[in-house]
């Protein structure tokens, strides 16, 4: 089902939504989708700490055309401010995070304060405010993390999953969506290569490197699906293609020379979203996998409810062993669709 039909067919969107990190790449795409396709939304609150980005976003979505949209300046580290923002909210999409791997290695506690303590603030504020649905965004770097950023996001994932254990009789479900590199997002490889192409040289970390690929639209669709269908405690993982970094370079600038610079501290040659250790509590639900808490009774009931299939023991979902890889031509087509419609290889 496409996003437009999902929104138009459901009464679930007659509600008040708060998006943390609402001025980021995902947040803006999510807000744009709701505003364009869901005129029934009561209130849509953009919660973020950057006043300039909020100002710029307000120019794009003026109050005269989008009366349901609100901008709330604040930081997820500030529990009191977050609780104020959550008043009257029934749906939360938690996208706020510090994300740059090298910055995390140099400033570890700053990432802990935002990605872990901030996540707990979102959880506790949502429980106290009577929120009914919470979906938190994660990353492939949270699976078997080797850098601090991934470790903080794994902690965040665990917090959101475990919060379902102490919700009591509250009508709240908290879940996580985990996916790979978002095509065209700030700091990702495609805009980096597009900017570097005029120099005639593209720095390649490792010619064997692979990554998962998902578009912003697919990420938004996944969050909408999770808000509608999550039972609580799941980490949802999409079935998406991989690409080779060398193929991305060829797709963008076939005339450029490649300079092998080596991987940065905290990087992997290949990313994974489900590790072999997770296989015992992972189920296949069609277009997504769901990693569940390791509880046999819960897993068995989930399989029955969802008509899901348990994955084989030892199963892993790795960008290098993916069943689908994007070709050079497919990458070029996706760049035109999701990044720059005027893109021409150089």
Protein backbone atom coordinates (compact mmCIF):
# COMPACT_ATOMS: atom_id res chain seq x y z
CA UNK A 1 0.00 0.00 0.00
CA UNK A 2 1.40 3.43 -0.84
CA UNK A 3 1.64 6.21 1.72
CA UNK A 4 -1.20 8.29 0.29
CA UNK A 5 -3.69 5.42 0.35
CA UNK A 6 -2.60 4.34 3.84
CA UNK A 7 -3.27 7.82 5.18
CA UNK A 8 -6.53 8.37 3.34
CA UNK A 9 -7.99 5.02 4.37
CA UNK A 10 -7.34 5.22 8.10
CA UNK A 11 -9.06 7.14 10.86
CA UNK A 12 -5.91 6.70 12.95
CA UNK A 13 -4.66 10.06 11.68
CA UNK A 14 -7.41 11.99 13.40
CA UNK A 15 -4.91 12.56 16.21
CA UNK A 16 -2.11 14.71 17.58
CA UNK A 17 1.45 13.77 16.58
CA UNK A 18 4.81 14.91 17.93
CA UNK A 19 8.00 14.34 15.94
CA UNK A 20 11.28 14.71 17.82
CA UNK A 21 14.09 15.74 15.52
CA UNK A 22 11.35 17.08 13.28
CA UNK A 23 13.65 19.37 11.28
CA UNK A 24 16.02 16.57 10.24
CA UNK A 25 15.93 14.69 6.92
CA UNK A 26 13.42 12.11 8.10
CA UNK A 27 11.41 14.55 10.20
CA UNK A 28 10.85 16.93 7.29
CA UNK A 29 9.85 14.08 4.97
CA UNK A 30 7.43 12.69 7.58
CA UNK A 31 5.88 16.10 8.26
CA UNK A 32 5.54 16.82 4.54
CA UNK A 33 3.81 13.47 4.00
CA UNK A 34 1.30 14.01 6.80
CA UNK A 35 0.50 17.58 5.74
CA UNK A 36 0.05 16.67 2.08
CA UNK A 37 -2.09 13.58 2.58
CA UNK A 38 -3.78 13.94 5.95
CA UNK A 39 -5.88 17.07 6.31
CA UNK A 40 -7.66 15.49 9.31
CA UNK A 41 -4.63 15.56 11.57
CA UNK A 42 -5.49 17.55 14.69
CA UNK A 43 -2.02 18.72 15.56
CA UNK A 44 1.45 18.02 14.22
CA UNK A 45 4.24 19.21 16.51
CA UNK A 46 7.82 19.59 15.30
CA UNK A 47 10.07 19.28 18.35
CA UNK A 48 13.73 20.16 17.75
CA UNK A 49 16.55 22.27 19.13
CA UNK A 50 17.54 24.25 16.01
CA UNK A 51 15.69 27.56 15.77
CA UNK A 52 17.04 28.35 12.28
CA UNK A 53 15.84 25.05 10.83
CA UNK A 54 12.43 25.58 12.44
CA UNK A 55 12.25 29.06 10.93
CA UNK A 56 13.17 27.73 7.48
CA UNK A 57 10.67 24.90 7.79
CA UNK A 58 7.94 27.35 8.80
CA UNK A 59 8.57 29.28 5.56
CA UNK A 60 8.05 26.07 3.60
CA UNK A 61 4.90 25.16 5.56
CA UNK A 62 3.23 28.47 6.50
CA UNK A 63 0.61 28.51 9.23
CA UNK A 64 -1.94 30.03 6.85
CA UNK A 65 -1.90 26.82 4.80
CA UNK A 66 -1.12 24.32 7.56
CA UNK A 67 -2.94 25.39 10.74
CA UNK A 68 -2.34 22.03 12.46
CA UNK A 69 1.45 22.45 12.35
CA UNK A 70 3.25 23.64 15.49
CA UNK A 71 6.92 24.29 16.18
CA UNK A 72 8.23 23.57 19.66
CA UNK A 73 11.83 24.54 20.41
CA UNK A 74 13.47 22.11 22.82
CA UNK A 75 15.95 19.29 23.36
CA UNK A 76 15.13 15.69 24.25
CA UNK A 77 17.78 16.02 26.97
CA UNK A 78 15.43 18.46 28.76
CA UNK A 79 12.78 16.24 30.35
CA UNK A 80 10.64 19.13 31.62
CA UNK A 81 10.49 20.85 28.24
CA UNK A 82 9.68 17.54 26.55
CA UNK A 83 6.85 16.83 28.98
CA UNK A 84 5.36 20.23 28.16
CA UNK A 85 5.54 19.47 24.45
CA UNK A 86 3.82 16.10 24.99
CA UNK A 87 0.67 17.57 26.52
CA UNK A 88 -2.32 16.44 24.46
CA UNK A 89 -0.18 14.23 22.21
CA UNK A 90 -1.24 10.67 21.45
CA UNK A 91 1.39 9.64 18.85
CA UNK A 92 5.16 10.11 19.03
CA UNK A 93 7.75 9.53 16.33
CA UNK A 94 11.19 9.73 17.91
CA UNK A 95 13.75 10.71 15.28
CA UNK A 96 16.03 12.98 17.32
CA UNK A 97 19.60 11.72 17.60
CA UNK A 98 23.25 12.62 17.24
CA UNK A 99 24.50 10.46 14.37
CA UNK A 100 28.00 11.22 13.11
CA UNK A 101 30.31 8.29 13.91
CA UNK A 102 33.61 10.25 14.23
CA UNK A 103 31.94 12.91 16.38
CA UNK A 104 30.66 10.20 18.72
CA UNK A 105 34.14 8.80 19.21
CA UNK A 106 35.46 12.25 20.12
CA UNK A 107 32.44 13.40 22.18
CA UNK A 108 31.05 10.19 23.67
CA UNK A 109 29.04 11.56 26.57
CA UNK A 110 27.27 14.09 24.36
CA UNK A 111 25.91 11.17 22.34
CA UNK A 112 24.97 9.31 25.51
CA UNK A 113 23.03 12.33 26.79
CA UNK A 114 21.02 12.70 23.56
CA UNK A 115 20.67 9.15 22.26
CA UNK A 116 20.23 7.28 25.56
CA UNK A 117 19.11 9.72 28.24
CA UNK A 118 17.02 11.58 25.67
CA UNK A 119 15.35 8.32 24.66
CA UNK A 120 14.43 7.60 28.28
CA UNK A 121 12.99 11.11 28.59
CA UNK A 122 10.78 10.41 25.57
CA UNK A 123 9.63 7.13 27.11
CA UNK A 124 8.84 8.53 30.55
CA UNK A 125 7.20 11.63 29.14
CA UNK A 126 5.05 9.52 26.82
CA UNK A 127 3.95 7.23 29.66
CA UNK A 128 3.00 10.20 31.85
CA UNK A 129 1.24 12.14 29.05
CA UNK A 130 -1.07 9.30 27.99
CA UNK A 131 0.55 8.80 24.59
CA UNK A 132 -0.78 5.70 22.82
CA UNK A 133 1.76 4.97 20.08
CA UNK A 134 5.51 5.50 20.03
CA UNK A 135 7.84 4.54 17.19
CA UNK A 136 11.56 5.21 17.57
CA UNK A 137 14.00 5.31 14.68
CA UNK A 138 17.13 3.17 14.89
CA UNK A 139 20.03 2.29 12.59
CA UNK A 140 21.83 -0.73 11.19
CA UNK A 141 24.82 0.39 13.26
CA UNK A 142 22.92 -0.71 16.40
CA UNK A 143 23.30 -4.39 15.41
CA UNK A 144 26.56 -5.73 16.90
CA UNK A 145 27.87 -2.16 17.28
CA UNK A 146 31.58 -1.42 17.00
CA UNK A 147 31.30 2.35 17.48
CA UNK A 148 29.80 4.51 20.19
CA UNK A 149 27.02 5.84 17.99
CA UNK A 150 25.80 2.30 17.29
CA UNK A 151 26.13 1.39 20.96
CA UNK A 152 24.01 4.36 22.05
CA UNK A 153 21.33 3.46 19.51
CA UNK A 154 21.34 -0.17 20.69
CA UNK A 155 20.78 1.10 24.24
CA UNK A 156 17.97 3.31 22.95
CA UNK A 157 16.36 0.34 21.17
CA UNK A 158 16.52 -1.72 24.37
CA UNK A 159 14.92 1.10 26.35
CA UNK A 160 11.94 1.42 24.00
CA UNK A 161 11.41 -2.34 23.85
CA UNK A 162 11.68 -2.78 27.63
CA UNK A 163 9.29 0.12 28.31
CA UNK A 164 6.44 -2.15 27.24
CA UNK A 165 7.14 -4.22 30.36
CA UNK A 166 6.19 -1.42 32.75
CA UNK A 167 3.40 0.33 30.87
CA UNK A 168 0.91 -1.20 33.34
CA UNK A 169 -2.67 -0.75 32.20
CA UNK A 170 -1.83 2.18 29.96
CA UNK A 171 -2.94 1.93 26.33
CA UNK A 172 0.52 2.51 24.89
CA UNK A 173 2.66 0.52 22.47
CA UNK A 174 6.33 1.29 21.93
CA UNK A 175 8.29 -0.11 19.00
CA UNK A 176 11.43 0.54 16.96
CA UNK A 177 12.19 0.66 13.25
CA UNK A 178 15.76 -0.13 12.17
CA UNK A 179 17.02 0.51 8.67
CA UNK A 180 20.18 1.30 6.69
CA UNK A 181 21.60 4.27 4.83
CA UNK A 182 18.91 6.73 3.73
CA UNK A 183 19.50 7.77 0.15
CA UNK A 184 20.34 11.46 -0.08
CA UNK A 185 20.20 12.22 3.64
CA UNK A 186 22.64 14.74 5.08
CA UNK A 187 26.12 13.28 5.52
CA UNK A 188 25.43 10.14 3.46
CA UNK A 189 27.66 8.86 0.68
CA UNK A 190 25.60 9.90 -2.36
CA UNK A 191 25.51 13.68 -1.72
CA UNK A 192 29.16 13.41 -0.62
CA UNK A 193 30.15 11.84 -3.96
CA UNK A 194 27.99 14.32 -5.89
CA UNK A 195 29.84 17.19 -4.23
CA UNK A 196 33.25 15.59 -4.79
CA UNK A 197 32.71 14.62 -8.44
CA UNK A 198 33.76 18.01 -9.92
CA UNK A 199 37.20 17.56 -8.36
CA UNK A 200 37.84 14.49 -10.52
CA UNK A 201 38.66 12.30 -7.52
CA UNK A 202 36.32 10.24 -5.34
CA UNK A 203 37.69 9.02 -1.99
CA UNK A 204 36.71 5.35 -1.53
CA UNK A 205 37.02 3.88 1.94
CA UNK A 206 37.24 0.28 0.73
CA UNK A 207 36.29 -1.09 -2.72
CA UNK A 208 34.59 -4.10 -1.06
CA UNK A 209 32.37 -1.99 1.20
CA UNK A 210 28.60 -2.57 1.00
CA UNK A 211 25.65 -0.77 2.56
CA UNK A 212 21.89 -1.18 2.75
CA UNK A 213 19.84 1.40 0.88
CA UNK A 214 16.44 2.89 1.64
CA UNK A 215 14.74 6.05 0.40
CA UNK A 216 13.20 8.65 2.69
CA UNK A 217 9.77 7.77 1.30
CA UNK A 218 10.28 4.11 2.18
CA UNK A 219 11.44 5.12 5.67
CA UNK A 220 8.31 7.22 6.16
CA UNK A 221 6.11 4.40 4.89
CA UNK A 222 7.74 2.00 7.34
CA UNK A 223 7.09 4.29 10.30
CA UNK A 224 3.46 4.77 9.24
CA UNK A 225 3.09 0.99 8.98
CA UNK A 226 4.60 0.51 12.44
CA UNK A 227 2.33 3.14 13.98
CA UNK A 228 -0.66 1.30 12.58
CA UNK A 229 0.30 -2.35 13.13
CA UNK A 230 2.92 -2.61 15.88
CA UNK A 231 1.84 -4.60 18.92
CA UNK A 232 4.68 -3.23 21.04
CA UNK A 233 8.23 -4.45 21.79
CA UNK A 234 9.23 -5.12 18.16
CA UNK A 235 12.31 -3.92 16.31
CA UNK A 236 11.13 -3.85 12.71
CA UNK A 237 13.68 -4.36 9.93
CA UNK A 238 12.79 -3.78 6.25
CA UNK A 239 13.76 -6.01 3.36
CA UNK A 240 15.76 -3.56 1.25
CA UNK A 241 18.55 -3.83 -1.34
CA UNK A 242 22.27 -3.31 -0.83
CA UNK A 243 24.79 -1.46 -2.94
CA UNK A 244 28.54 -1.59 -3.36
CA UNK A 245 30.34 1.68 -2.67
CA UNK A 246 32.35 1.16 -5.85
CA UNK A 247 29.08 0.92 -7.83
CA UNK A 248 27.84 4.17 -6.29
CA UNK A 249 31.06 5.86 -7.40
CA UNK A 250 30.68 4.43 -10.90
CA UNK A 251 27.03 5.51 -11.06
CA UNK A 252 27.80 9.10 -10.07
CA UNK A 253 31.12 9.80 -11.74
CA UNK A 254 32.51 7.12 -14.05
CA UNK A 255 35.23 9.52 -15.23
CA UNK A 256 36.59 10.14 -11.72
CA UNK A 257 39.70 8.53 -10.31
CA UNK A 258 39.17 6.50 -7.13
CA UNK A 259 41.45 7.18 -4.19
CA UNK A 260 41.40 4.40 -1.58
CA UNK A 261 41.54 6.14 1.81
CA UNK A 262 40.69 3.27 4.18
CA UNK A 263 37.83 2.96 6.62
CA UNK A 264 37.39 5.44 9.43
CA UNK A 265 37.54 4.44 13.10
CA UNK A 266 34.27 2.77 14.06
CA UNK A 267 33.27 1.81 10.51
CA UNK A 268 32.48 -1.66 9.21
CA UNK A 269 33.17 -3.00 5.72
CA UNK A 270 29.63 -4.43 5.74
CA UNK A 271 26.63 -3.43 7.85
CA UNK A 272 24.10 -5.78 9.38
CA UNK A 273 20.61 -5.31 10.72
CA UNK A 274 19.99 -8.78 12.17
CA UNK A 275 22.84 -10.78 13.69
CA UNK A 276 23.01 -14.59 13.99
CA UNK A 277 22.54 -14.12 17.75
CA UNK A 278 19.14 -12.49 17.04
CA UNK A 279 17.92 -15.34 14.84
CA UNK A 280 16.24 -17.21 17.69
CA UNK A 281 13.88 -14.30 18.35
CA UNK A 282 13.38 -12.96 14.82
CA UNK A 283 10.31 -13.60 12.67
CA UNK A 284 9.51 -12.91 9.03
CA UNK A 285 6.26 -10.95 8.66
CA UNK A 286 6.34 -10.36 4.89
CA UNK A 287 7.83 -7.05 3.84
CA UNK A 288 9.58 -6.72 7.20
CA UNK A 289 11.38 -8.79 9.80
CA UNK A 290 10.56 -8.29 13.48
CA UNK A 291 13.18 -8.83 16.16
CA UNK A 292 11.33 -9.64 19.38
CA UNK A 293 12.35 -9.90 23.04
CA UNK A 294 13.76 -13.34 23.79
CA UNK A 295 10.58 -14.77 25.29
CA UNK A 296 9.27 -18.05 23.84
CA UNK A 297 5.65 -17.45 24.87
CA UNK A 298 5.67 -13.97 23.34
CA UNK A 299 7.35 -15.18 20.15
CA UNK A 300 4.89 -18.07 19.72
CA UNK A 301 1.87 -15.81 20.24
CA UNK A 302 3.34 -13.23 17.86
CA UNK A 303 3.85 -15.89 15.18
CA UNK A 304 0.24 -17.00 15.58
CA UNK A 305 -1.18 -13.47 15.60
CA UNK A 306 0.84 -12.22 12.64
CA UNK A 307 0.88 -15.52 10.75
CA UNK A 308 4.63 -14.97 10.79
CA UNK A 309 7.46 -17.42 10.15
CA UNK A 310 10.44 -17.92 12.41
CA UNK A 311 13.73 -17.36 10.61
CA UNK A 312 16.22 -20.28 10.55
CA UNK A 313 18.72 -20.65 13.37
CA UNK A 314 21.88 -18.75 12.53
CA UNK A 315 20.07 -16.43 10.12
CA UNK A 316 21.69 -13.03 9.60
CA UNK A 317 20.75 -10.02 7.51
CA UNK A 318 23.97 -8.46 6.28
CA UNK A 319 24.56 -5.93 3.51
CA UNK A 320 27.12 -8.31 1.96
CA UNK A 321 24.91 -11.43 1.83
CA UNK A 322 21.75 -9.64 0.69
CA UNK A 323 19.70 -11.34 -2.00
CA UNK A 324 19.28 -8.03 -3.87
CA UNK A 325 22.01 -5.63 -5.00
CA UNK A 326 21.40 -2.40 -6.89
CA UNK A 327 23.02 -2.13 -10.31
CA UNK A 328 24.81 1.00 -11.49
CA UNK A 329 21.82 1.95 -13.65
CA UNK A 330 19.39 1.36 -10.78
CA UNK A 331 21.47 3.61 -8.54
CA UNK A 332 21.41 6.37 -11.18
CA UNK A 333 17.63 6.03 -11.51
CA UNK A 334 17.16 6.23 -7.74
CA UNK A 335 19.37 9.34 -7.55
CA UNK A 336 17.14 11.03 -10.13
CA UNK A 337 14.03 9.97 -8.25
CA UNK A 338 15.08 10.73 -4.69
CA UNK A 339 18.03 13.15 -4.78
CA UNK A 340 18.30 15.22 -7.98
CA UNK A 341 15.96 14.84 -10.95
CA UNK A 342 18.52 16.61 -13.16
CA UNK A 343 21.39 14.30 -12.22
CA UNK A 344 23.75 13.35 -15.05
CA UNK A 345 26.82 11.12 -14.49
CA UNK A 346 30.12 12.95 -14.91
